[in-house]
Amino acid sequence: RIVKAVQEGRWGKVHALQHLLTHS
């Protein structure tokens, strides 16, 4: 999901998914 968000240029979503991953 992070890769897909990066490819779409959705950096807010990238950061949210990274936060979710590092807190999971």
mmCIF file of all heavy atoms, coordinates in Angstrom:
data_MODEL
# 
_entry.id   MODEL 
# 
loop_
_atom_site.group_PDB 
_atom_site.id 
_atom_site.type_symbol 
_atom_site.label_atom_id 
_atom_site.label_alt_id 
_atom_site.label_comp_id 
_atom_site.label_asym_id 
_atom_site.label_entity_id 
_atom_site.label_seq_id 
_atom_site.pdbx_PDB_ins_code 
_atom_site.Cartn_x 
_atom_site.Cartn_y 
_atom_site.Cartn_z 
_atom_site.occupancy 
_atom_site.B_iso_or_equiv 
_atom_site.pdbx_formal_charge 
_atom_site.auth_seq_id 
_atom_site.auth_comp_id 
_atom_site.auth_asym_id 
_atom_site.auth_atom_id 
_atom_site.pdbx_PDB_model_num 
ATOM 1   N N   . ARG A 1 1  ? 0.834  -1.205 0.000  1.00 0.00 ? 1  ARG A N   1 
ATOM 2   C CA  . ARG A 1 1  ? 0.000  0.000  0.000  1.00 0.00 ? 1  ARG A CA  1 
ATOM 3   C C   . ARG A 1 1  ? 0.873  1.262  0.000  1.00 0.00 ? 1  ARG A C   1 
ATOM 4   O O   . ARG A 1 1  ? 0.520  2.267  -0.631 1.00 0.00 ? 1  ARG A O   1 
ATOM 5   C CB  . ARG A 1 1  ? -0.940 -0.008 1.204  1.00 0.00 ? 1  ARG A CB  1 
ATOM 6   C CG  . ARG A 1 1  ? -2.033 -1.069 1.097  1.00 0.00 ? 1  ARG A CG  1 
ATOM 7   C CD  . ARG A 1 1  ? -2.894 -1.123 2.343  1.00 0.00 ? 1  ARG A CD  1 
ATOM 8   N NE  . ARG A 1 1  ? -3.626 0.128  2.541  1.00 0.00 ? 1  ARG A NE  1 
ATOM 9   C CZ  . ARG A 1 1  ? -4.239 0.449  3.673  1.00 0.00 ? 1  ARG A CZ  1 
ATOM 10  N NH1 . ARG A 1 1  ? -4.214 -0.367 4.716  1.00 0.00 ? 1  ARG A NH1 1 
ATOM 11  N NH2 . ARG A 1 1  ? -4.873 1.599  3.769  1.00 0.00 ? 1  ARG A NH2 1 
ATOM 12  N N   . ILE A 1 2  ? 2.024  1.207  0.696  1.00 0.00 ? 2  ILE A N   1 
ATOM 13  C CA  . ILE A 1 2  ? 2.951  2.342  0.689  1.00 0.00 ? 2  ILE A CA  1 
ATOM 14  C C   . ILE A 1 2  ? 3.493  2.547  -0.724 1.00 0.00 ? 2  ILE A C   1 
ATOM 15  O O   . ILE A 1 2  ? 3.542  3.680  -1.223 1.00 0.00 ? 2  ILE A O   1 
ATOM 16  C CB  . ILE A 1 2  ? 4.100  2.129  1.702  1.00 0.00 ? 2  ILE A CB  1 
ATOM 17  C CG1 . ILE A 1 2  ? 3.564  2.200  3.134  1.00 0.00 ? 2  ILE A CG1 1 
ATOM 18  C CG2 . ILE A 1 2  ? 5.209  3.162  1.494  1.00 0.00 ? 2  ILE A CG2 1 
ATOM 19  C CD1 . ILE A 1 2  ? 4.564  1.763  4.201  1.00 0.00 ? 2  ILE A CD1 1 
ATOM 20  N N   . VAL A 1 3  ? 3.895  1.469  -1.392 1.00 0.00 ? 3  VAL A N   1 
ATOM 21  C CA  . VAL A 1 3  ? 4.411  1.562  -2.761 1.00 0.00 ? 3  VAL A CA  1 
ATOM 22  C C   . VAL A 1 3  ? 3.368  2.187  -3.679 1.00 0.00 ? 3  VAL A C   1 
ATOM 23  O O   . VAL A 1 3  ? 3.671  3.094  -4.465 1.00 0.00 ? 3  VAL A O   1 
ATOM 24  C CB  . VAL A 1 3  ? 4.844  0.172  -3.289 1.00 0.00 ? 3  VAL A CB  1 
ATOM 25  C CG1 . VAL A 1 3  ? 5.101  0.207  -4.791 1.00 0.00 ? 3  VAL A CG1 1 
ATOM 26  C CG2 . VAL A 1 3  ? 6.079  -0.310 -2.554 1.00 0.00 ? 3  VAL A CG2 1 
ATOM 27  N N   . LYS A 1 4  ? 2.127  1.733  -3.582 1.00 0.00 ? 4  LYS A N   1 
ATOM 28  C CA  . LYS A 1 4  ? 1.059  2.265  -4.429 1.00 0.00 ? 4  LYS A CA  1 
ATOM 29  C C   . LYS A 1 4  ? 0.849  3.750  -4.167 1.00 0.00 ? 4  LYS A C   1 
ATOM 30  O O   . LYS A 1 4  ? 0.682  4.541  -5.108 1.00 0.00 ? 4  LYS A O   1 
ATOM 31  C CB  . LYS A 1 4  ? -0.235 1.487  -4.193 1.00 0.00 ? 4  LYS A CB  1 
ATOM 32  C CG  . LYS A 1 4  ? -1.353 1.891  -5.117 1.00 0.00 ? 4  LYS A CG  1 
ATOM 33  C CD  . LYS A 1 4  ? -2.594 1.057  -4.895 1.00 0.00 ? 4  LYS A CD  1 
ATOM 34  C CE  . LYS A 1 4  ? -3.710 1.522  -5.821 1.00 0.00 ? 4  LYS A CE  1 
ATOM 35  N NZ  . LYS A 1 4  ? -4.992 0.943  -5.487 1.00 0.00 ? 4  LYS A NZ  1 
ATOM 36  N N   . ALA A 1 5  ? 0.862  4.151  -2.909 1.00 0.00 ? 5  ALA A N   1 
ATOM 37  C CA  . ALA A 1 5  ? 0.685  5.565  -2.570 1.00 0.00 ? 5  ALA A CA  1 
ATOM 38  C C   . ALA A 1 5  ? 1.845  6.415  -3.100 1.00 0.00 ? 5  ALA A C   1 
ATOM 39  O O   . ALA A 1 5  ? 1.630  7.533  -3.581 1.00 0.00 ? 5  ALA A O   1 
ATOM 40  C CB  . ALA A 1 5  ? 0.548  5.737  -1.060 1.00 0.00 ? 5  ALA A CB  1 
ATOM 41  N N   . VAL A 1 6  ? 3.068  5.882  -3.042 1.00 0.00 ? 6  VAL A N   1 
ATOM 42  C CA  . VAL A 1 6  ? 4.231  6.603  -3.587 1.00 0.00 ? 6  VAL A CA  1 
ATOM 43  C C   . VAL A 1 6  ? 4.061  6.776  -5.089 1.00 0.00 ? 6  VAL A C   1 
ATOM 44  O O   . VAL A 1 6  ? 4.288  7.864  -5.641 1.00 0.00 ? 6  VAL A O   1 
ATOM 45  C CB  . VAL A 1 6  ? 5.552  5.857  -3.267 1.00 0.00 ? 6  VAL A CB  1 
ATOM 46  C CG1 . VAL A 1 6  ? 6.706  6.455  -4.056 1.00 0.00 ? 6  VAL A CG1 1 
ATOM 47  C CG2 . VAL A 1 6  ? 5.855  5.909  -1.782 1.00 0.00 ? 6  VAL A CG2 1 
ATOM 48  N N   . GLN A 1 7  ? 3.671  5.713  -5.777 1.00 0.00 ? 7  GLN A N   1 
ATOM 49  C CA  . GLN A 1 7  ? 3.491  5.780  -7.232 1.00 0.00 ? 7  GLN A CA  1 
ATOM 50  C C   . GLN A 1 7  ? 2.415  6.774  -7.634 1.00 0.00 ? 7  GLN A C   1 
ATOM 51  O O   . GLN A 1 7  ? 2.506  7.401  -8.684 1.00 0.00 ? 7  GLN A O   1 
ATOM 52  C CB  . GLN A 1 7  ? 3.157  4.390  -7.778 1.00 0.00 ? 7  GLN A CB  1 
ATOM 53  C CG  . GLN A 1 7  ? 4.320  3.431  -7.699 1.00 0.00 ? 7  GLN A CG  1 
ATOM 54  C CD  . GLN A 1 7  ? 3.927  1.982  -7.989 1.00 0.00 ? 7  GLN A CD  1 
ATOM 55  O OE1 . GLN A 1 7  ? 2.764  1.601  -7.861 1.00 0.00 ? 7  GLN A OE1 1 
ATOM 56  N NE2 . GLN A 1 7  ? 4.916  1.178  -8.374 1.00 0.00 ? 7  GLN A NE2 1 
ATOM 57  N N   . GLU A 1 8  ? 1.404  6.928  -6.788 1.00 0.00 ? 8  GLU A N   1 
ATOM 58  C CA  . GLU A 1 8  ? 0.327  7.881  -7.056 1.00 0.00 ? 8  GLU A CA  1 
ATOM 59  C C   . GLU A 1 8  ? 0.663  9.291  -6.580 1.00 0.00 ? 8  GLU A C   1 
ATOM 60  O O   . GLU A 1 8  ? -0.101 10.222 -6.801 1.00 0.00 ? 8  GLU A O   1 
ATOM 61  C CB  . GLU A 1 8  ? -0.969 7.404  -6.379 1.00 0.00 ? 8  GLU A CB  1 
ATOM 62  C CG  . GLU A 1 8  ? -1.514 6.110  -6.956 1.00 0.00 ? 8  GLU A CG  1 
ATOM 63  C CD  . GLU A 1 8  ? -2.667 5.540  -6.143 1.00 0.00 ? 8  GLU A CD  1 
ATOM 64  O OE1 . GLU A 1 8  ? -2.946 6.064  -5.028 1.00 0.00 ? 8  GLU A OE1 1 
ATOM 65  O OE2 . GLU A 1 8  ? -3.275 4.564  -6.610 1.00 0.00 ? 8  GLU A OE2 1 
ATOM 66  N N   . GLY A 1 9  ? 1.796  9.441  -5.888 1.00 0.00 ? 9  GLY A N   1 
ATOM 67  C CA  . GLY A 1 9  ? 2.207  10.749 -5.385 1.00 0.00 ? 9  GLY A CA  1 
ATOM 68  C C   . GLY A 1 9  ? 1.382  11.225 -4.201 1.00 0.00 ? 9  GLY A C   1 
ATOM 69  O O   . GLY A 1 9  ? 1.336  12.420 -3.908 1.00 0.00 ? 9  GLY A O   1 
ATOM 70  N N   . ARG A 1 10 ? 0.763  10.304 -3.501 1.00 0.00 ? 10 ARG A N   1 
ATOM 71  C CA  . ARG A 1 10 ? -0.078 10.657 -2.344 1.00 0.00 ? 10 ARG A CA  1 
ATOM 72  C C   . ARG A 1 10 ? 0.770  10.556 -1.075 1.00 0.00 ? 10 ARG A C   1 
ATOM 73  O O   . ARG A 1 10 ? 0.692  9.589  -0.330 1.00 0.00 ? 10 ARG A O   1 
ATOM 74  C CB  . ARG A 1 10 ? -1.285 9.728  -2.293 1.00 0.00 ? 10 ARG A CB  1 
ATOM 75  C CG  . ARG A 1 10 ? -2.166 9.858  -3.525 1.00 0.00 ? 10 ARG A CG  1 
ATOM 76  C CD  . ARG A 1 10 ? -3.295 8.858  -3.532 1.00 0.00 ? 10 ARG A CD  1 
ATOM 77  N NE  . ARG A 1 10 ? -4.195 9.102  -2.412 1.00 0.00 ? 10 ARG A NE  1 
ATOM 78  C CZ  . ARG A 1 10 ? -5.162 8.273  -2.057 1.00 0.00 ? 10 ARG A CZ  1 
ATOM 79  N NH1 . ARG A 1 10 ? -5.353 7.157  -2.716 1.00 0.00 ? 10 ARG A NH1 1 
ATOM 80  N NH2 . ARG A 1 10 ? -5.928 8.545  -1.029 1.00 0.00 ? 10 ARG A NH2 1 
ATOM 81  N N   . TRP A 1 11 ? 1.555  11.590 -0.826 1.00 0.00 ? 11 TRP A N   1 
ATOM 82  C CA  . TRP A 1 11 ? 2.540  11.552 0.258  1.00 0.00 ? 11 TRP A CA  1 
ATOM 83  C C   . TRP A 1 11 ? 1.907  11.593 1.641  1.00 0.00 ? 11 TRP A C   1 
ATOM 84  O O   . TRP A 1 11 ? 2.447  11.043 2.590  1.00 0.00 ? 11 TRP A O   1 
ATOM 85  C CB  . TRP A 1 11 ? 3.571  12.656 0.069  1.00 0.00 ? 11 TRP A CB  1 
ATOM 86  C CG  . TRP A 1 11 ? 4.378  12.380 -1.156 1.00 0.00 ? 11 TRP A CG  1 
ATOM 87  C CD1 . TRP A 1 11 ? 4.238  12.962 -2.382 1.00 0.00 ? 11 TRP A CD1 1 
ATOM 88  C CD2 . TRP A 1 11 ? 5.387  11.382 -1.289 1.00 0.00 ? 11 TRP A CD2 1 
ATOM 89  N NE1 . TRP A 1 11 ? 5.124  12.392 -3.277 1.00 0.00 ? 11 TRP A NE1 1 
ATOM 90  C CE2 . TRP A 1 11 ? 5.840  11.427 -2.627 1.00 0.00 ? 11 TRP A CE2 1 
ATOM 91  C CE3 . TRP A 1 11 ? 5.961  10.466 -0.422 1.00 0.00 ? 11 TRP A CE3 1 
ATOM 92  C CZ2 . TRP A 1 11 ? 6.842  10.586 -3.109 1.00 0.00 ? 11 TRP A CZ2 1 
ATOM 93  C CZ3 . TRP A 1 11 ? 6.965  9.625  -0.894 1.00 0.00 ? 11 TRP A CZ3 1 
ATOM 94  C CH2 . TRP A 1 11 ? 7.387  9.691  -2.228 1.00 0.00 ? 11 TRP A CH2 1 
ATOM 95  N N   . GLY A 1 12 ? 0.757  12.205 1.782  1.00 0.00 ? 12 GLY A N   1 
ATOM 96  C CA  . GLY A 1 12 ? 0.049  12.176 3.059  1.00 0.00 ? 12 GLY A CA  1 
ATOM 97  C C   . GLY A 1 12 ? -0.351 10.752 3.415  1.00 0.00 ? 12 GLY A C   1 
ATOM 98  O O   . GLY A 1 12 ? -0.222 10.320 4.567  1.00 0.00 ? 12 GLY A O   1 
ATOM 99  N N   . LYS A 1 13 ? -0.813 10.017 2.421  1.00 0.00 ? 13 LYS A N   1 
ATOM 100 C CA  . LYS A 1 13 ? -1.188 8.621  2.647  1.00 0.00 ? 13 LYS A CA  1 
ATOM 101 C C   . LYS A 1 13 ? 0.053  7.782  2.935  1.00 0.00 ? 13 LYS A C   1 
ATOM 102 O O   . LYS A 1 13 ? 0.013  6.873  3.758  1.00 0.00 ? 13 LYS A O   1 
ATOM 103 C CB  . LYS A 1 13 ? -1.933 8.067  1.438  1.00 0.00 ? 13 LYS A CB  1 
ATOM 104 C CG  . LYS A 1 13 ? -2.466 6.677  1.662  1.00 0.00 ? 13 LYS A CG  1 
ATOM 105 C CD  . LYS A 1 13 ? -3.407 6.237  0.565  1.00 0.00 ? 13 LYS A CD  1 
ATOM 106 C CE  . LYS A 1 13 ? -3.979 4.876  0.909  1.00 0.00 ? 13 LYS A CE  1 
ATOM 107 N NZ  . LYS A 1 13 ? -4.961 4.426  -0.064 1.00 0.00 ? 13 LYS A NZ  1 
ATOM 108 N N   . VAL A 1 14 ? 1.163  8.084  2.249  1.00 0.00 ? 14 VAL A N   1 
ATOM 109 C CA  . VAL A 1 14 ? 2.418  7.374  2.505  1.00 0.00 ? 14 VAL A CA  1 
ATOM 110 C C   . VAL A 1 14 ? 2.788  7.508  3.976  1.00 0.00 ? 14 VAL A C   1 
ATOM 111 O O   . VAL A 1 14 ? 3.082  6.523  4.658  1.00 0.00 ? 14 VAL A O   1 
ATOM 112 C CB  . VAL A 1 14 ? 3.566  7.904  1.609  1.00 0.00 ? 14 VAL A CB  1 
ATOM 113 C CG1 . VAL A 1 14 ? 4.913  7.353  2.060  1.00 0.00 ? 14 VAL A CG1 1 
ATOM 114 C CG2 . VAL A 1 14 ? 3.313  7.570  0.151  1.00 0.00 ? 14 VAL A CG2 1 
ATOM 115 N N   . HIS A 1 15 ? 2.765  8.739  4.487  1.00 0.00 ? 15 HIS A N   1 
ATOM 116 C CA  . HIS A 1 15 ? 3.137  8.978  5.882  1.00 0.00 ? 15 HIS A CA  1 
ATOM 117 C C   . HIS A 1 15 ? 2.173  8.297  6.844  1.00 0.00 ? 15 HIS A C   1 
ATOM 118 O O   . HIS A 1 15 ? 2.589  7.740  7.864  1.00 0.00 ? 15 HIS A O   1 
ATOM 119 C CB  . HIS A 1 15 ? 3.206  10.478 6.166  1.00 0.00 ? 15 HIS A CB  1 
ATOM 120 C CG  . HIS A 1 15 ? 4.291  11.163 5.384  1.00 0.00 ? 15 HIS A CG  1 
ATOM 121 N ND1 . HIS A 1 15 ? 4.189  12.464 4.968  1.00 0.00 ? 15 HIS A ND1 1 
ATOM 122 C CD2 . HIS A 1 15 ? 5.476  10.729 4.913  1.00 0.00 ? 15 HIS A CD2 1 
ATOM 123 C CE1 . HIS A 1 15 ? 5.272  12.798 4.288  1.00 0.00 ? 15 HIS A CE1 1 
ATOM 124 N NE2 . HIS A 1 15 ? 6.066  11.755 4.237  1.00 0.00 ? 15 HIS A NE2 1 
ATOM 125 N N   . ALA A 1 16 ? 0.882  8.308  6.514  1.00 0.00 ? 16 ALA A N   1 
ATOM 126 C CA  . ALA A 1 16 ? -0.106 7.652  7.374  1.00 0.00 ? 16 ALA A CA  1 
ATOM 127 C C   . ALA A 1 16 ? 0.130  6.135  7.402  1.00 0.00 ? 16 ALA A C   1 
ATOM 128 O O   . ALA A 1 16 ? 0.051  5.509  8.465  1.00 0.00 ? 16 ALA A O   1 
ATOM 129 C CB  . ALA A 1 16 ? -1.516 7.966  6.888  1.00 0.00 ? 16 ALA A CB  1 
ATOM 130 N N   . LEU A 1 17 ? 0.417  5.552  6.253  1.00 0.00 ? 17 LEU A N   1 
ATOM 131 C CA  . LEU A 1 17 ? 0.673  4.107  6.195  1.00 0.00 ? 17 LEU A CA  1 
ATOM 132 C C   . LEU A 1 17 ? 1.980  3.737  6.892  1.00 0.00 ? 17 LEU A C   1 
ATOM 133 O O   . LEU A 1 17 ? 2.070  2.691  7.542  1.00 0.00 ? 17 LEU A O   1 
ATOM 134 C CB  . LEU A 1 17 ? 0.690  3.631  4.740  1.00 0.00 ? 17 LEU A CB  1 
ATOM 135 C CG  . LEU A 1 17 ? -0.663 3.649  4.032  1.00 0.00 ? 17 LEU A CG  1 
ATOM 136 C CD1 . LEU A 1 17 ? -0.492 3.477  2.528  1.00 0.00 ? 17 LEU A CD1 1 
ATOM 137 C CD2 . LEU A 1 17 ? -1.574 2.562  4.608  1.00 0.00 ? 17 LEU A CD2 1 
ATOM 138 N N   . GLN A 1 18 ? 2.999  4.595  6.764  1.00 0.00 ? 18 GLN A N   1 
ATOM 139 C CA  . GLN A 1 18 ? 4.251  4.353  7.482  1.00 0.00 ? 18 GLN A CA  1 
ATOM 140 C C   . GLN A 1 18 ? 4.016  4.399  8.983  1.00 0.00 ? 18 GLN A C   1 
ATOM 141 O O   . GLN A 1 18 ? 4.561  3.577  9.723  1.00 0.00 ? 18 GLN A O   1 
ATOM 142 C CB  . GLN A 1 18 ? 5.311  5.380  7.068  1.00 0.00 ? 18 GLN A CB  1 
ATOM 143 C CG  . GLN A 1 18 ? 5.857  5.153  5.682  1.00 0.00 ? 18 GLN A CG  1 
ATOM 144 C CD  . GLN A 1 18 ? 6.834  6.242  5.268  1.00 0.00 ? 18 GLN A CD  1 
ATOM 145 O OE1 . GLN A 1 18 ? 6.640  7.422  5.570  1.00 0.00 ? 18 GLN A OE1 1 
ATOM 146 N NE2 . GLN A 1 18 ? 7.881  5.851  4.569  1.00 0.00 ? 18 GLN A NE2 1 
ATOM 147 N N   . HIS A 1 19 ? 3.212  5.351  9.424  1.00 0.00 ? 19 HIS A N   1 
ATOM 148 C CA  . HIS A 1 19 ? 2.882  5.448  10.842 1.00 0.00 ? 19 HIS A CA  1 
ATOM 149 C C   . HIS A 1 19 ? 2.149  4.181  11.293 1.00 0.00 ? 19 HIS A C   1 
ATOM 150 O O   . HIS A 1 19 ? 2.460  3.618  12.350 1.00 0.00 ? 19 HIS A O   1 
ATOM 151 C CB  . HIS A 1 19 ? 2.017  6.681  11.099 1.00 0.00 ? 19 HIS A CB  1 
ATOM 152 C CG  . HIS A 1 19 ? 1.608  6.857  12.518 1.00 0.00 ? 19 HIS A CG  1 
ATOM 153 N ND1 . HIS A 1 19 ? 2.411  7.477  13.455 1.00 0.00 ? 19 HIS A ND1 1 
ATOM 154 C CD2 . HIS A 1 19 ? 0.493  6.470  13.184 1.00 0.00 ? 19 HIS A CD2 1 
ATOM 155 C CE1 . HIS A 1 19 ? 1.800  7.468  14.630 1.00 0.00 ? 19 HIS A CE1 1 
ATOM 156 N NE2 . HIS A 1 19 ? 0.626  6.853  14.491 1.00 0.00 ? 19 HIS A NE2 1 
ATOM 157 N N   . LEU A 1 20 ? 1.206  3.732  10.490 1.00 0.00 ? 20 LEU A N   1 
ATOM 158 C CA  . LEU A 1 20 ? 0.463  2.519  10.814 1.00 0.00 ? 20 LEU A CA  1 
ATOM 159 C C   . LEU A 1 20 ? 1.404  1.315  10.902 1.00 0.00 ? 20 LEU A C   1 
ATOM 160 O O   . LEU A 1 20 ? 1.312  0.514  11.841 1.00 0.00 ? 20 LEU A O   1 
ATOM 161 C CB  . LEU A 1 20 ? -0.620 2.271  9.754  1.00 0.00 ? 20 LEU A CB  1 
ATOM 162 C CG  . LEU A 1 20 ? -1.515 1.061  9.961  1.00 0.00 ? 20 LEU A CG  1 
ATOM 163 C CD1 . LEU A 1 20 ? -2.298 1.179  11.265 1.00 0.00 ? 20 LEU A CD1 1 
ATOM 164 C CD2 . LEU A 1 20 ? -2.473 0.907  8.788  1.00 0.00 ? 20 LEU A CD2 1 
ATOM 165 N N   . LEU A 1 21 ? 2.331  1.209  9.971  1.00 0.00 ? 21 LEU A N   1 
ATOM 166 C CA  . LEU A 1 21 ? 3.270  0.082  9.969  1.00 0.00 ? 21 LEU A CA  1 
ATOM 167 C C   . LEU A 1 21 ? 4.204  0.123  11.169 1.00 0.00 ? 21 LEU A C   1 
ATOM 168 O O   . LEU A 1 21 ? 4.407  -0.888 11.845 1.00 0.00 ? 21 LEU A O   1 
ATOM 169 C CB  . LEU A 1 21 ? 4.076  0.069  8.665  1.00 0.00 ? 21 LEU A CB  1 
ATOM 170 C CG  . LEU A 1 21 ? 5.154  -1.001 8.519  1.00 0.00 ? 21 LEU A CG  1 
ATOM 171 C CD1 . LEU A 1 21 ? 4.594  -2.400 8.745  1.00 0.00 ? 21 LEU A CD1 1 
ATOM 172 C CD2 . LEU A 1 21 ? 5.800  -0.917 7.146  1.00 0.00 ? 21 LEU A CD2 1 
ATOM 173 N N   . THR A 1 22 ? 4.757  1.280  11.476 1.00 0.00 ? 22 THR A N   1 
ATOM 174 C CA  . THR A 1 22 ? 5.715  1.372  12.582 1.00 0.00 ? 22 THR A CA  1 
ATOM 175 C C   . THR A 1 22 ? 5.056  1.269  13.946 1.00 0.00 ? 22 THR A C   1 
ATOM 176 O O   . THR A 1 22 ? 5.738  1.049  14.948 1.00 0.00 ? 22 THR A O   1 
ATOM 177 C CB  . THR A 1 22 ? 6.537  2.673  12.518 1.00 0.00 ? 22 THR A CB  1 
ATOM 178 O OG1 . THR A 1 22 ? 5.654  3.788  12.520 1.00 0.00 ? 22 THR A OG1 1 
ATOM 179 C CG2 . THR A 1 22 ? 7.434  2.695  11.292 1.00 0.00 ? 22 THR A CG2 1 
ATOM 180 N N   . HIS A 1 23 ? 3.746  1.428  13.997 1.00 0.00 ? 23 HIS A N   1 
ATOM 181 C CA  . HIS A 1 23 ? 3.032  1.290  15.268 1.00 0.00 ? 23 HIS A CA  1 
ATOM 182 C C   . HIS A 1 23 ? 2.272  -0.029 15.352 1.00 0.00 ? 23 HIS A C   1 
ATOM 183 O O   . HIS A 1 23 ? 1.627  -0.298 16.365 1.00 0.00 ? 23 HIS A O   1 
ATOM 184 C CB  . HIS A 1 23 ? 2.087  2.472  15.474 1.00 0.00 ? 23 HIS A CB  1 
ATOM 185 C CG  . HIS A 1 23 ? 2.807  3.751  15.772 1.00 0.00 ? 23 HIS A CG  1 
ATOM 186 N ND1 . HIS A 1 23 ? 3.495  4.459  14.815 1.00 0.00 ? 23 HIS A ND1 1 
ATOM 187 C CD2 . HIS A 1 23 ? 2.979  4.427  16.927 1.00 0.00 ? 23 HIS A CD2 1 
ATOM 188 C CE1 . HIS A 1 23 ? 4.040  5.519  15.364 1.00 0.00 ? 23 HIS A CE1 1 
ATOM 189 N NE2 . HIS A 1 23 ? 3.753  5.528  16.650 1.00 0.00 ? 23 HIS A NE2 1 
ATOM 190 N N   . SER A 1 24 ? 2.336  -0.828 14.306 1.00 0.00 ? 24 SER A N   1 
ATOM 191 C CA  . SER A 1 24 ? 1.613  -2.103 14.304 1.00 0.00 ? 24 SER A CA  1 
ATOM 192 C C   . SER A 1 24 ? 2.369  -3.166 15.091 1.00 0.00 ? 24 SER A C   1 
ATOM 193 O O   . SER A 1 24 ? 3.604  -3.183 15.132 1.00 0.00 ? 24 SER A O   1 
ATOM 194 C CB  . SER A 1 24 ? 1.398  -2.587 12.869 1.00 0.00 ? 24 SER A CB  1 
ATOM 195 O OG  . SER A 1 24 ? 2.607  -3.045 12.299 1.00 0.00 ? 24 SER A OG  1 
# 
